[in-house]
Amino acid sequence: MEVLHRIRQIRLAQGEETPRVQRLFVLASPDAMLPSAVSEAYPGLDVAVVTDATHGELLDLFVVDGVDPVSSDRVYMIDPLGNLMMYYEPTDEPNGILRDLRKLLKWSQIG
């Protein structure tokens, strides 16, 4: 859950650009209670549970270096058109993500 906290802080650090940044947490757990607990702990965070049917679709869209996006714990940055822009490992420094996001928001004409 530390990654969720860091991503929330990175989003809030965008200041007036904060509404342009949306967050989605993708779970591979069948536990029905977990999505509501995560949503309660992190207001404004959208939570999706990957099923067997949608797992293949995610693999097609977000597999990088042959790593399964659901089990990787990576943070993916996706533009409003659904294009994968960047990804980060859970151990990457939040300041690097913050700088990248600021640049993307500055240069983006969409979203």
PDB file of N, CA and C in Angstrom:
ATOM      1  N   MET A   1       0.814  -1.205   0.000  1.00  0.00           N
ATOM      2  CA  MET A   1       0.000   0.000   0.000  1.00  0.00           C
ATOM      3  C   MET A   1       0.855   1.266   0.000  1.00  0.00           C
ATOM      4  N   GLU A   2       2.132   1.121   0.233  1.00  0.00           N
ATOM      5  CA  GLU A   2       3.017   2.283   0.221  1.00  0.00           C
ATOM      6  C   GLU A   2       3.029   2.948  -1.155  1.00  0.00           C
ATOM      7  N   VAL A   3       2.955   2.136  -2.203  1.00  0.00           N
ATOM      8  CA  VAL A   3       2.936   2.697  -3.559  1.00  0.00           C
ATOM      9  C   VAL A   3       1.690   3.549  -3.761  1.00  0.00           C
ATOM     10  N   LEU A   4       0.550   3.111  -3.253  1.00  0.00           N
ATOM     11  CA  LEU A   4      -0.677   3.894  -3.387  1.00  0.00           C
ATOM     12  C   LEU A   4      -0.542   5.249  -2.694  1.00  0.00           C
ATOM     13  N   HIS A   5       0.076   5.248  -1.540  1.00  0.00           N
ATOM     14  CA  HIS A   5       0.285   6.496  -0.810  1.00  0.00           C
ATOM     15  C   HIS A   5       1.190   7.439  -1.614  1.00  0.00           C
ATOM     16  N   ARG A   6       2.284   6.892  -2.160  1.00  0.00           N
ATOM     17  CA  ARG A   6       3.200   7.735  -2.943  1.00  0.00           C
ATOM     18  C   ARG A   6       2.517   8.295  -4.183  1.00  0.00           C
ATOM     19  N   ILE A   7       1.729   7.493  -4.849  1.00  0.00           N
ATOM     20  CA  ILE A   7       1.037   7.963  -6.055  1.00  0.00           C
ATOM     21  C   ILE A   7       0.026   9.043  -5.692  1.00  0.00           C
ATOM     22  N   ARG A   8      -0.655   8.890  -4.571  1.00  0.00           N
ATOM     23  CA  ARG A   8      -1.590   9.929  -4.133  1.00  0.00           C
ATOM     24  C   ARG A   8      -0.840  11.239  -3.886  1.00  0.00           C
ATOM     25  N   GLN A   9       0.306  11.158  -3.236  1.00  0.00           N
ATOM     26  CA  GLN A   9       1.084  12.354  -2.948  1.00  0.00           C
ATOM     27  C   GLN A   9       1.610  13.002  -4.229  1.00  0.00           C
ATOM     28  N   ILE A  10       2.025  12.189  -5.186  1.00  0.00           N
ATOM     29  CA  ILE A  10       2.503  12.714  -6.472  1.00  0.00           C
ATOM     30  C   ILE A  10       1.365  13.438  -7.186  1.00  0.00           C
ATOM     31  N   ARG A  11       0.186  12.867  -7.155  1.00  0.00           N
ATOM     32  CA  ARG A  11      -0.972  13.511  -7.798  1.00  0.00           C
ATOM     33  C   ARG A  11      -1.269  14.842  -7.131  1.00  0.00           C
ATOM     34  N   LEU A  12      -1.307  14.870  -5.816  1.00  0.00           N
ATOM     35  CA  LEU A  12      -1.618  16.100  -5.089  1.00  0.00           C
ATOM     36  C   LEU A  12      -0.550  17.169  -5.303  1.00  0.00           C
ATOM     37  N   ALA A  13       0.675  16.761  -5.552  1.00  0.00           N
ATOM     38  CA  ALA A  13       1.774  17.708  -5.775  1.00  0.00           C
ATOM     39  C   ALA A  13       1.644  18.436  -7.107  1.00  0.00           C
ATOM     40  N   GLN A  14       0.687  18.050  -7.931  1.00  0.00           N
ATOM     41  CA  GLN A  14       0.501  18.699  -9.228  1.00  0.00           C
ATOM     42  C   GLN A  14      -0.211  20.048  -9.105  1.00  0.00           C
ATOM     43  N   GLY A  15      -0.679  20.361  -7.910  1.00  0.00           N
ATOM     44  CA  GLY A  15      -1.333  21.656  -7.687  1.00  0.00           C
ATOM     45  C   GLY A  15      -2.579  21.814  -8.533  1.00  0.00           C
ATOM     46  N   GLU A  16      -2.643  22.882  -9.324  1.00  0.00           N
ATOM     47  CA  GLU A  16      -3.832  23.159 -10.136  1.00  0.00           C
ATOM     48  C   GLU A  16      -4.043  22.115 -11.231  1.00  0.00           C
ATOM     49  N   GLU A  17      -3.030  21.337 -11.527  1.00  0.00           N
ATOM     50  CA  GLU A  17      -3.150  20.281 -12.539  1.00  0.00           C
ATOM     51  C   GLU A  17      -3.684  18.971 -11.948  1.00  0.00           C
ATOM     52  N   THR A  18      -3.879  18.919 -10.646  1.00  0.00           N
ATOM     53  CA  THR A  18      -4.320  17.693  -9.975  1.00  0.00           C
ATOM     54  C   THR A  18      -5.563  17.067 -10.624  1.00  0.00           C
ATOM     55  N   PRO A  19      -6.599  17.842 -10.993  1.00  0.00           N
ATOM     56  CA  PRO A  19      -7.777  17.203 -11.592  1.00  0.00           C
ATOM     57  C   PRO A  19      -7.498  16.482 -12.919  1.00  0.00           C
ATOM     58  N   ARG A  20      -6.402  16.811 -13.565  1.00  0.00           N
ATOM     59  CA  ARG A  20      -6.058  16.153 -14.838  1.00  0.00           C
ATOM     60  C   ARG A  20      -5.489  14.756 -14.635  1.00  0.00           C
ATOM     61  N   VAL A  21      -5.120  14.423 -13.401  1.00  0.00           N
ATOM     62  CA  VAL A  21      -4.486  13.140 -13.113  1.00  0.00           C
ATOM     63  C   VAL A  21      -5.485  12.232 -12.415  1.00  0.00           C
ATOM     64  N   GLN A  22      -5.768  11.109 -13.036  1.00  0.00           N
ATOM     65  CA  GLN A  22      -6.660  10.123 -12.439  1.00  0.00           C
ATOM     66  C   GLN A  22      -5.848   8.893 -12.078  1.00  0.00           C
ATOM     67  N   ARG A  23      -6.310   8.188 -11.050  1.00  0.00           N
ATOM     68  CA  ARG A  23      -5.611   6.994 -10.591  1.00  0.00           C
ATOM     69  C   ARG A  23      -6.525   5.783 -10.698  1.00  0.00           C
ATOM     70  N   LEU A  24      -5.938   4.664 -11.117  1.00  0.00           N
ATOM     71  CA  LEU A  24      -6.648   3.394 -11.194  1.00  0.00           C
ATOM     72  C   LEU A  24      -5.760   2.334 -10.578  1.00  0.00           C
ATOM     73  N   PHE A  25      -6.304   1.611  -9.620  1.00  0.00           N
ATOM     74  CA  PHE A  25      -5.588   0.517  -8.974  1.00  0.00           C
ATOM     75  C   PHE A  25      -6.191  -0.781  -9.483  1.00  0.00           C
ATOM     76  N   VAL A  26      -5.365  -1.616 -10.095  1.00  0.00           N
ATOM     77  CA  VAL A  26      -5.832  -2.873 -10.670  1.00  0.00           C
ATOM     78  C   VAL A  26      -5.433  -4.015  -9.747  1.00  0.00           C
ATOM     79  N   LEU A  27      -6.434  -4.759  -9.320  1.00  0.00           N
ATOM     80  CA  LEU A  27      -6.226  -5.888  -8.407  1.00  0.00           C
ATOM     81  C   LEU A  27      -6.416  -7.204  -9.135  1.00  0.00           C
ATOM     82  N   ALA A  28      -5.596  -8.165  -8.792  1.00  0.00           N
ATOM     83  CA  ALA A  28      -5.747  -9.502  -9.348  1.00  0.00           C
ATOM     84  C   ALA A  28      -6.338 -10.444  -8.306  1.00  0.00           C
ATOM     85  N   SER A  29      -6.888  -9.884  -7.247  1.00  0.00           N
ATOM     86  CA  SER A  29      -7.402 -10.675  -6.141  1.00  0.00           C
ATOM     87  C   SER A  29      -8.905 -10.904  -6.280  1.00  0.00           C
ATOM     88  N   PRO A  30      -9.343 -12.117  -6.033  1.00  0.00           N
ATOM     89  CA  PRO A  30     -10.785 -12.375  -6.058  1.00  0.00           C
ATOM     90  C   PRO A  30     -11.481 -11.927  -4.778  1.00  0.00           C
ATOM     91  N   ASP A  31     -10.740 -11.426  -3.801  1.00  0.00           N
ATOM     92  CA  ASP A  31     -11.303 -10.999  -2.519  1.00  0.00           C
ATOM     93  C   ASP A  31     -12.230  -9.806  -2.739  1.00  0.00           C
ATOM     94  N   ALA A  32     -13.519 -10.008  -2.523  1.00  0.00           N
ATOM     95  CA  ALA A  32     -14.511  -8.963  -2.789  1.00  0.00           C
ATOM     96  C   ALA A  32     -14.415  -7.792  -1.825  1.00  0.00           C
ATOM     97  N   MET A  33     -13.853  -7.993  -0.656  1.00  0.00           N
ATOM     98  CA  MET A  33     -13.765  -6.920   0.337  1.00  0.00           C
ATOM     99  C   MET A  33     -12.603  -5.958   0.053  1.00  0.00           C
ATOM    100  N   LEU A  34     -11.574  -6.422  -0.609  1.00  0.00           N
ATOM    101  CA  LEU A  34     -10.380  -5.607  -0.815  1.00  0.00           C
ATOM    102  C   LEU A  34     -10.635  -4.345  -1.639  1.00  0.00           C
ATOM    103  N   PRO A  35     -11.357  -4.404  -2.765  1.00  0.00           N
ATOM    104  CA  PRO A  35     -11.594  -3.163  -3.503  1.00  0.00           C
ATOM    105  C   PRO A  35     -12.289  -2.079  -2.684  1.00  0.00           C
ATOM    106  N   SER A  36     -13.273  -2.445  -1.880  1.00  0.00           N
ATOM    107  CA  SER A  36     -13.964  -1.436  -1.087  1.00  0.00           C
ATOM    108  C   SER A  36     -13.062  -0.896   0.016  1.00  0.00           C
ATOM    109  N   ALA A  37     -12.214  -1.733   0.588  1.00  0.00           N
ATOM    110  CA  ALA A  37     -11.283  -1.276   1.618  1.00  0.00           C
ATOM    111  C   ALA A  37     -10.258  -0.309   1.036  1.00  0.00           C
ATOM    112  N   VAL A  38      -9.762  -0.591  -0.161  1.00  0.00           N
ATOM    113  CA  VAL A  38      -8.796   0.289  -0.816  1.00  0.00           C
ATOM    114  C   VAL A  38      -9.465   1.604  -1.182  1.00  0.00           C
ATOM    115  N   SER A  39     -10.660   1.547  -1.727  1.00  0.00           N
ATOM    116  CA  SER A  39     -11.389   2.771  -2.098  1.00  0.00           C
ATOM    117  C   SER A  39     -11.664   3.636  -0.874  1.00  0.00           C
ATOM    118  N   GLU A  40     -11.968   3.012   0.225  1.00  0.00           N
ATOM    119  CA  GLU A  40     -12.243   3.748   1.466  1.00  0.00           C
ATOM    120  C   GLU A  40     -10.975   4.414   1.999  1.00  0.00           C
ATOM    121  N   ALA A  41      -9.854   3.706   1.916  1.00  0.00           N
ATOM    122  CA  ALA A  41      -8.589   4.237   2.420  1.00  0.00           C
ATOM    123  C   ALA A  41      -8.013   5.320   1.513  1.00  0.00           C
ATOM    124  N   TYR A  42      -8.337   5.263   0.227  1.00  0.00           N
ATOM    125  CA  TYR A  42      -7.801   6.213  -0.754  1.00  0.00           C
ATOM    126  C   TYR A  42      -8.948   6.808  -1.570  1.00  0.00           C
ATOM    127  N   PRO A  43      -9.639   7.801  -1.025  1.00  0.00           N
ATOM    128  CA  PRO A  43     -10.761   8.413  -1.743  1.00  0.00           C
ATOM    129  C   PRO A  43     -10.320   8.957  -3.106  1.00  0.00           C
ATOM    130  N   GLY A  44     -11.177   8.776  -4.092  1.00  0.00           N
ATOM    131  CA  GLY A  44     -10.879   9.256  -5.438  1.00  0.00           C
ATOM    132  C   GLY A  44     -10.104   8.263  -6.274  1.00  0.00           C
ATOM    133  N   LEU A  45      -9.667   7.173  -5.669  1.00  0.00           N
ATOM    134  CA  LEU A  45      -8.939   6.133  -6.386  1.00  0.00           C
ATOM    135  C   LEU A  45      -9.946   5.163  -6.983  1.00  0.00           C
ATOM    136  N   ASP A  46      -9.855   4.950  -8.283  1.00  0.00           N
ATOM    137  CA  ASP A  46     -10.696   3.942  -8.922  1.00  0.00           C
ATOM    138  C   ASP A  46     -10.025   2.588  -8.761  1.00  0.00           C
ATOM    139  N   VAL A  47     -10.825   1.569  -8.476  1.00  0.00           N
ATOM    140  CA  VAL A  47     -10.296   0.220  -8.266  1.00  0.00           C
ATOM    141  C   VAL A  47     -10.972  -0.720  -9.250  1.00  0.00           C
ATOM    142  N   ALA A  48     -10.164  -1.539  -9.924  1.00  0.00           N
ATOM    143  CA  ALA A  48     -10.686  -2.535 -10.856  1.00  0.00           C
ATOM    144  C   ALA A  48     -10.107  -3.893 -10.483  1.00  0.00           C
ATOM    145  N   VAL A  49     -10.925  -4.920 -10.582  1.00  0.00           N
ATOM    146  CA  VAL A  49     -10.472  -6.280 -10.321  1.00  0.00           C
ATOM    147  C   VAL A  49     -10.344  -7.003 -11.654  1.00  0.00           C
ATOM    148  N   VAL A  50      -9.175  -7.569 -11.884  1.00  0.00           N
ATOM    149  CA  VAL A  50      -8.911  -8.281 -13.126  1.00  0.00           C
ATOM    150  C   VAL A  50      -9.485  -9.688 -13.018  1.00  0.00           C
ATOM    151  N   THR A  51     -10.256 -10.051 -14.013  1.00  0.00           N
ATOM    152  CA  THR A  51     -10.805 -11.400 -14.087  1.00  0.00           C
ATOM    153  C   THR A  51     -10.023 -12.180 -15.140  1.00  0.00           C
ATOM    154  N   ASP A  52     -10.309 -13.448 -15.245  1.00  0.00           N
ATOM    155  CA  ASP A  52      -9.639 -14.250 -16.274  1.00  0.00           C
ATOM    156  C   ASP A  52      -9.913 -13.683 -17.665  1.00  0.00           C
ATOM    157  N   ALA A  53     -11.118 -13.155 -17.869  1.00  0.00           N
ATOM    158  CA  ALA A  53     -11.477 -12.611 -19.181  1.00  0.00           C
ATOM    159  C   ALA A  53     -10.714 -11.331 -19.510  1.00  0.00           C
ATOM    160  N   THR A  54     -10.488 -10.465 -18.512  1.00  0.00           N
ATOM    161  CA  THR A  54      -9.824  -9.187 -18.781  1.00  0.00           C
ATOM    162  C   THR A  54      -8.315  -9.265 -18.631  1.00  0.00           C
ATOM    163  N   HIS A  55      -7.820 -10.327 -18.027  1.00  0.00           N
ATOM    164  CA  HIS A  55      -6.372 -10.451 -17.829  1.00  0.00           C
ATOM    165  C   HIS A  55      -5.636 -10.456 -19.167  1.00  0.00           C
ATOM    166  N   GLY A  56      -6.155 -11.172 -20.138  1.00  0.00           N
ATOM    167  CA  GLY A  56      -5.520 -11.227 -21.461  1.00  0.00           C
ATOM    168  C   GLY A  56      -5.494  -9.873 -22.149  1.00  0.00           C
ATOM    169  N   GLU A  57      -6.563  -9.098 -21.974  1.00  0.00           N
ATOM    170  CA  GLU A  57      -6.612  -7.765 -22.568  1.00  0.00           C
ATOM    171  C   GLU A  57      -5.532  -6.863 -21.962  1.00  0.00           C
ATOM    172  N   LEU A  58      -5.340  -6.947 -20.652  1.00  0.00           N
ATOM    173  CA  LEU A  58      -4.293  -6.154 -20.005  1.00  0.00           C
ATOM    174  C   LEU A  58      -2.910  -6.572 -20.483  1.00  0.00           C
ATOM    175  N   LEU A  59      -2.708  -7.867 -20.634  1.00  0.00           N
ATOM    176  CA  LEU A  59      -1.425  -8.334 -21.126  1.00  0.00           C
ATOM    177  C   LEU A  59      -1.136  -7.757 -22.502  1.00  0.00           C
ATOM    178  N   ASP A  60      -2.140  -7.747 -23.364  1.00  0.00           N
ATOM    179  CA  ASP A  60      -1.957  -7.217 -24.715  1.00  0.00           C
ATOM    180  C   ASP A  60      -1.599  -5.742 -24.699  1.00  0.00           C
ATOM    181  N   LEU A  61      -2.184  -4.987 -23.786  1.00  0.00           N
ATOM    182  CA  LEU A  61      -1.973  -3.540 -23.761  1.00  0.00           C
ATOM    183  C   LEU A  61      -0.720  -3.109 -23.012  1.00  0.00           C
ATOM    184  N   PHE A  62      -0.395  -3.778 -21.918  1.00  0.00           N
ATOM    185  CA  PHE A  62       0.616  -3.251 -21.012  1.00  0.00           C
ATOM    186  C   PHE A  62       1.782  -4.182 -20.698  1.00  0.00           C
ATOM    187  N   VAL A  63       1.951  -5.250 -21.439  1.00  0.00           N
ATOM    188  CA  VAL A  63       3.104  -6.098 -21.178  1.00  0.00           C
ATOM    189  C   VAL A  63       4.354  -5.357 -21.657  1.00  0.00           C
ATOM    190  N   VAL A  64       5.330  -5.228 -20.773  1.00  0.00           N
ATOM    191  CA  VAL A  64       6.594  -4.580 -21.085  1.00  0.00           C
ATOM    192  C   VAL A  64       7.707  -5.521 -20.641  1.00  0.00           C
ATOM    193  N   ASP A  65       8.632  -5.797 -21.508  1.00  0.00           N
ATOM    194  CA  ASP A  65       9.750  -6.693 -21.208  1.00  0.00           C
ATOM    195  C   ASP A  65       9.268  -8.085 -20.806  1.00  0.00           C
ATOM    196  N   GLY A  66       8.122  -8.494 -21.329  1.00  0.00           N
ATOM    197  CA  GLY A  66       7.597  -9.818 -21.025  1.00  0.00           C
ATOM    198  C   GLY A  66       7.074  -9.990 -19.618  1.00  0.00           C
ATOM    199  N   VAL A  67       6.862  -8.877 -18.885  1.00  0.00           N
ATOM    200  CA  VAL A  67       6.405  -8.941 -17.498  1.00  0.00           C
ATOM    201  C   VAL A  67       4.895  -8.734 -17.446  1.00  0.00           C
ATOM    202  N   ASP A  68       4.215  -9.612 -16.737  1.00  0.00           N
ATOM    203  CA  ASP A  68       2.763  -9.529 -16.564  1.00  0.00           C
ATOM    204  C   ASP A  68       2.422  -8.242 -15.808  1.00  0.00           C
ATOM    205  N   PRO A  69       1.598  -7.360 -16.394  1.00  0.00           N
ATOM    206  CA  PRO A  69       1.284  -6.095 -15.726  1.00  0.00           C
ATOM    207  C   PRO A  69       0.494  -6.247 -14.433  1.00  0.00           C
ATOM    208  N   VAL A  70      -0.247  -7.320 -14.294  1.00  0.00           N
ATOM    209  CA  VAL A  70      -1.069  -7.504 -13.100  1.00  0.00           C
ATOM    210  C   VAL A  70      -0.217  -7.886 -11.893  1.00  0.00           C
ATOM    211  N   SER A  71       0.759  -8.739 -12.095  1.00  0.00           N
ATOM    212  CA  SER A  71       1.561  -9.209 -10.966  1.00  0.00           C
ATOM    213  C   SER A  71       2.853  -8.419 -10.771  1.00  0.00           C
ATOM    214  N   SER A  72       3.119  -7.431 -11.613  1.00  0.00           N
ATOM    215  CA  SER A  72       4.404  -6.729 -11.554  1.00  0.00           C
ATOM    216  C   SER A  72       4.484  -5.669 -10.466  1.00  0.00           C
ATOM    217  N   ASP A  73       3.360  -5.178  -9.980  1.00  0.00           N
ATOM    218  CA  ASP A  73       3.319  -4.080  -9.011  1.00  0.00           C
ATOM    219  C   ASP A  73       3.887  -2.790  -9.586  1.00  0.00           C
ATOM    220  N   ARG A  74       3.974  -2.704 -10.896  1.00  0.00           N
ATOM    221  CA  ARG A  74       4.467  -1.493 -11.535  1.00  0.00           C
ATOM    222  C   ARG A  74       3.411  -0.405 -11.513  1.00  0.00           C
ATOM    223  N   VAL A  75       3.881   0.815 -11.660  1.00  0.00           N
ATOM    224  CA  VAL A  75       3.004   1.974 -11.832  1.00  0.00           C
ATOM    225  C   VAL A  75       3.075   2.335 -13.306  1.00  0.00           C
ATOM    226  N   TYR A  76       1.928   2.364 -13.962  1.00  0.00           N
ATOM    227  CA  TYR A  76       1.868   2.696 -15.375  1.00  0.00           C
ATOM    228  C   TYR A  76       1.273   4.086 -15.544  1.00  0.00           C
ATOM    229  N   MET A  77       1.869   4.864 -16.422  1.00  0.00           N
ATOM    230  CA  MET A  77       1.349   6.180 -16.747  1.00  0.00           C
ATOM    231  C   MET A  77       0.735   6.076 -18.150  1.00  0.00           C
ATOM    232  N   ILE A  78      -0.559   6.355 -18.215  1.00  0.00           N
ATOM    233  CA  ILE A  78      -1.317   6.177 -19.444  1.00  0.00           C
ATOM    234  C   ILE A  78      -1.990   7.492 -19.782  1.00  0.00           C
ATOM    235  N   ASP A  79      -1.937   7.881 -21.053  1.00  0.00           N
ATOM    236  CA  ASP A  79      -2.583   9.142 -21.440  1.00  0.00           C
ATOM    237  C   ASP A  79      -4.091   8.945 -21.589  1.00  0.00           C
ATOM    238  N   PRO A  80      -4.849  10.034 -21.748  1.00  0.00           N
ATOM    239  CA  PRO A  80      -6.312   9.917 -21.834  1.00  0.00           C
ATOM    240  C   PRO A  80      -6.809   9.096 -23.030  1.00  0.00           C
ATOM    241  N   LEU A  81      -5.954   8.874 -24.010  1.00  0.00           N
ATOM    242  CA  LEU A  81      -6.338   8.065 -25.161  1.00  0.00           C
ATOM    243  C   LEU A  81      -6.044   6.583 -24.962  1.00  0.00           C
ATOM    244  N   GLY A  82      -5.470   6.239 -23.790  1.00  0.00           N
ATOM    245  CA  GLY A  82      -5.172   4.844 -23.484  1.00  0.00           C
ATOM    246  C   GLY A  82      -3.795   4.394 -23.908  1.00  0.00           C
ATOM    247  N   ASN A  83      -2.925   5.313 -24.300  1.00  0.00           N
ATOM    248  CA  ASN A  83      -1.566   4.956 -24.705  1.00  0.00           C
ATOM    249  C   ASN A  83      -0.658   4.844 -23.481  1.00  0.00           C
ATOM    250  N   LEU A  84       0.114   3.783 -23.442  1.00  0.00           N
ATOM    251  CA  LEU A  84       1.085   3.612 -22.369  1.00  0.00           C
ATOM    252  C   LEU A  84       2.222   4.592 -22.609  1.00  0.00           C
ATOM    253  N   MET A  85       2.413   5.513 -21.674  1.00  0.00           N
ATOM    254  CA  MET A  85       3.452   6.536 -21.822  1.00  0.00           C
ATOM    255  C   MET A  85       4.746   6.101 -21.141  1.00  0.00           C
ATOM    256  N   MET A  86       4.643   5.653 -19.895  1.00  0.00           N
ATOM    257  CA  MET A  86       5.805   5.249 -19.111  1.00  0.00           C
ATOM    258  C   MET A  86       5.361   4.232 -18.071  1.00  0.00           C
ATOM    259  N   TYR A  87       6.342   3.572 -17.499  1.00  0.00           N
ATOM    260  CA  TYR A  87       6.045   2.715 -16.359  1.00  0.00           C
ATOM    261  C   TYR A  87       7.172   2.848 -15.355  1.00  0.00           C
ATOM    262  N   TYR A  88       6.869   2.542 -14.117  1.00  0.00           N
ATOM    263  CA  TYR A  88       7.819   2.665 -13.021  1.00  0.00           C
ATOM    264  C   TYR A  88       7.749   1.427 -12.160  1.00  0.00           C
ATOM    265  N   GLU A  89       8.904   1.029 -11.680  1.00  0.00           N
ATOM    266  CA  GLU A  89       8.975  -0.082 -10.735  1.00  0.00           C
ATOM    267  C   GLU A  89       8.551   0.441  -9.360  1.00  0.00           C
ATOM    268  N   PRO A  90       8.041  -0.425  -8.488  1.00  0.00           N
ATOM    269  CA  PRO A  90       7.601   0.027  -7.159  1.00  0.00           C
ATOM    270  C   PRO A  90       8.717   0.678  -6.344  1.00  0.00           C
ATOM    271  N   THR A  91       9.950   0.377  -6.660  1.00  0.00           N
ATOM    272  CA  THR A  91      11.079   0.922  -5.909  1.00  0.00           C
ATOM    273  C   THR A  91      11.611   2.234  -6.489  1.00  0.00           C
ATOM    274  N   ASP A  92      11.070   2.688  -7.623  1.00  0.00           N
ATOM    275  CA  ASP A  92      11.544   3.935  -8.232  1.00  0.00           C
ATOM    276  C   ASP A  92      11.238   5.125  -7.332  1.00  0.00           C
ATOM    277  N   GLU A  93      12.089   6.119  -7.416  1.00  0.00           N
ATOM    278  CA  GLU A  93      11.955   7.323  -6.599  1.00  0.00           C
ATOM    279  C   GLU A  93      10.724   8.141  -7.009  1.00  0.00           C
ATOM    280  N   PRO A  94       9.905   8.549  -6.059  1.00  0.00           N
ATOM    281  CA  PRO A  94       8.725   9.358  -6.372  1.00  0.00           C
ATOM    282  C   PRO A  94       9.075  10.687  -7.048  1.00  0.00           C
ATOM    283  N   ASN A  95      10.234  11.277  -6.716  1.00  0.00           N
ATOM    284  CA  ASN A  95      10.596  12.552  -7.337  1.00  0.00           C
ATOM    285  C   ASN A  95      10.785  12.420  -8.845  1.00  0.00           C
ATOM    286  N   GLY A  96      11.272  11.286  -9.299  1.00  0.00           N
ATOM    287  CA  GLY A  96      11.418  11.051 -10.732  1.00  0.00           C
ATOM    288  C   GLY A  96      10.065  10.959 -11.417  1.00  0.00           C
ATOM    289  N   ILE A  97       9.130  10.272 -10.785  1.00  0.00           N
ATOM    290  CA  ILE A  97       7.776  10.165 -11.327  1.00  0.00           C
ATOM    291  C   ILE A  97       7.131  11.546 -11.356  1.00  0.00           C
ATOM    292  N   LEU A  98       7.321  12.307 -10.298  1.00  0.00           N
ATOM    293  CA  LEU A  98       6.768  13.658 -10.200  1.00  0.00           C
ATOM    294  C   LEU A  98       7.287  14.542 -11.330  1.00  0.00           C
ATOM    295  N   ARG A  99       8.589  14.523 -11.577  1.00  0.00           N
ATOM    296  CA  ARG A  99       9.167  15.326 -12.665  1.00  0.00           C
ATOM    297  C   ARG A  99       8.612  14.913 -14.024  1.00  0.00           C
ATOM    298  N   ASP A 100       8.536  13.602 -14.263  1.00  0.00           N
ATOM    299  CA  ASP A 100       8.011  13.110 -15.543  1.00  0.00           C
ATOM    300  C   ASP A 100       6.568  13.531 -15.743  1.00  0.00           C
ATOM    301  N   LEU A 101       5.769  13.406 -14.703  1.00  0.00           N
ATOM    302  CA  LEU A 101       4.356  13.753 -14.799  1.00  0.00           C
ATOM    303  C   LEU A 101       4.176  15.245 -15.065  1.00  0.00           C
ATOM    304  N   ARG A 102       4.946  16.067 -14.395  1.00  0.00           N
ATOM    305  CA  ARG A 102       4.868  17.518 -14.637  1.00  0.00           C
ATOM    306  C   ARG A 102       5.192  17.849 -16.087  1.00  0.00           C
ATOM    307  N   LYS A 103       6.222  17.209 -16.642  1.00  0.00           N
ATOM    308  CA  LYS A 103       6.578  17.443 -18.042  1.00  0.00           C
ATOM    309  C   LYS A 103       5.462  16.994 -18.976  1.00  0.00           C
ATOM    310  N   LEU A 104       4.921  15.816 -18.727  1.00  0.00           N
ATOM    311  CA  LEU A 104       3.837  15.314 -19.580  1.00  0.00           C
ATOM    312  C   LEU A 104       2.622  16.237 -19.539  1.00  0.00           C
ATOM    313  N   LEU A 105       2.252  16.694 -18.360  1.00  0.00           N
ATOM    314  CA  LEU A 105       1.100  17.589 -18.252  1.00  0.00           C
ATOM    315  C   LEU A 105       1.364  18.921 -18.930  1.00  0.00           C
ATOM    316  N   LYS A 106       2.584  19.390 -18.862  1.00  0.00           N
ATOM    317  CA  LYS A 106       2.936  20.665 -19.495  1.00  0.00           C
ATOM    318  C   LYS A 106       2.837  20.558 -21.009  1.00  0.00           C
ATOM    319  N   TRP A 107       3.323  19.461 -21.564  1.00  0.00           N
ATOM    320  CA  TRP A 107       3.370  19.301 -23.014  1.00  0.00           C
ATOM    321  C   TRP A 107       2.097  18.736 -23.617  1.00  0.00           C
ATOM    322  N   SER A 108       1.255  18.139 -22.802  1.00  0.00           N
ATOM    323  CA  SER A 108       0.056  17.470 -23.313  1.00  0.00           C
ATOM    324  C   SER A 108      -1.002  18.461 -23.757  1.00  0.00           C
ATOM    325  N   GLN A 109      -1.609  18.170 -24.882  1.00  0.00           N
ATOM    326  CA  GLN A 109      -2.715  18.960 -25.401  1.00  0.00           C
ATOM    327  C   GLN A 109      -4.059  18.289 -25.121  1.00  0.00           C
ATOM    328  N   ILE A 110      -4.004  17.099 -24.518  1.00  0.00           N
ATOM    329  CA  ILE A 110      -5.227  16.375 -24.205  1.00  0.00           C
ATOM    330  C   ILE A 110      -5.301  16.142 -22.707  1.00  0.00           C
ATOM    331  N   GLY A 111      -6.496  15.893 -22.221  1.00  0.00           N
ATOM    332  CA  GLY A 111      -6.668  15.560 -20.802  1.00  0.00           C
ATOM    333  C   GLY A 111      -6.590  16.701 -19.941  1.00  0.00           C
TER     334      GLY A 111
END
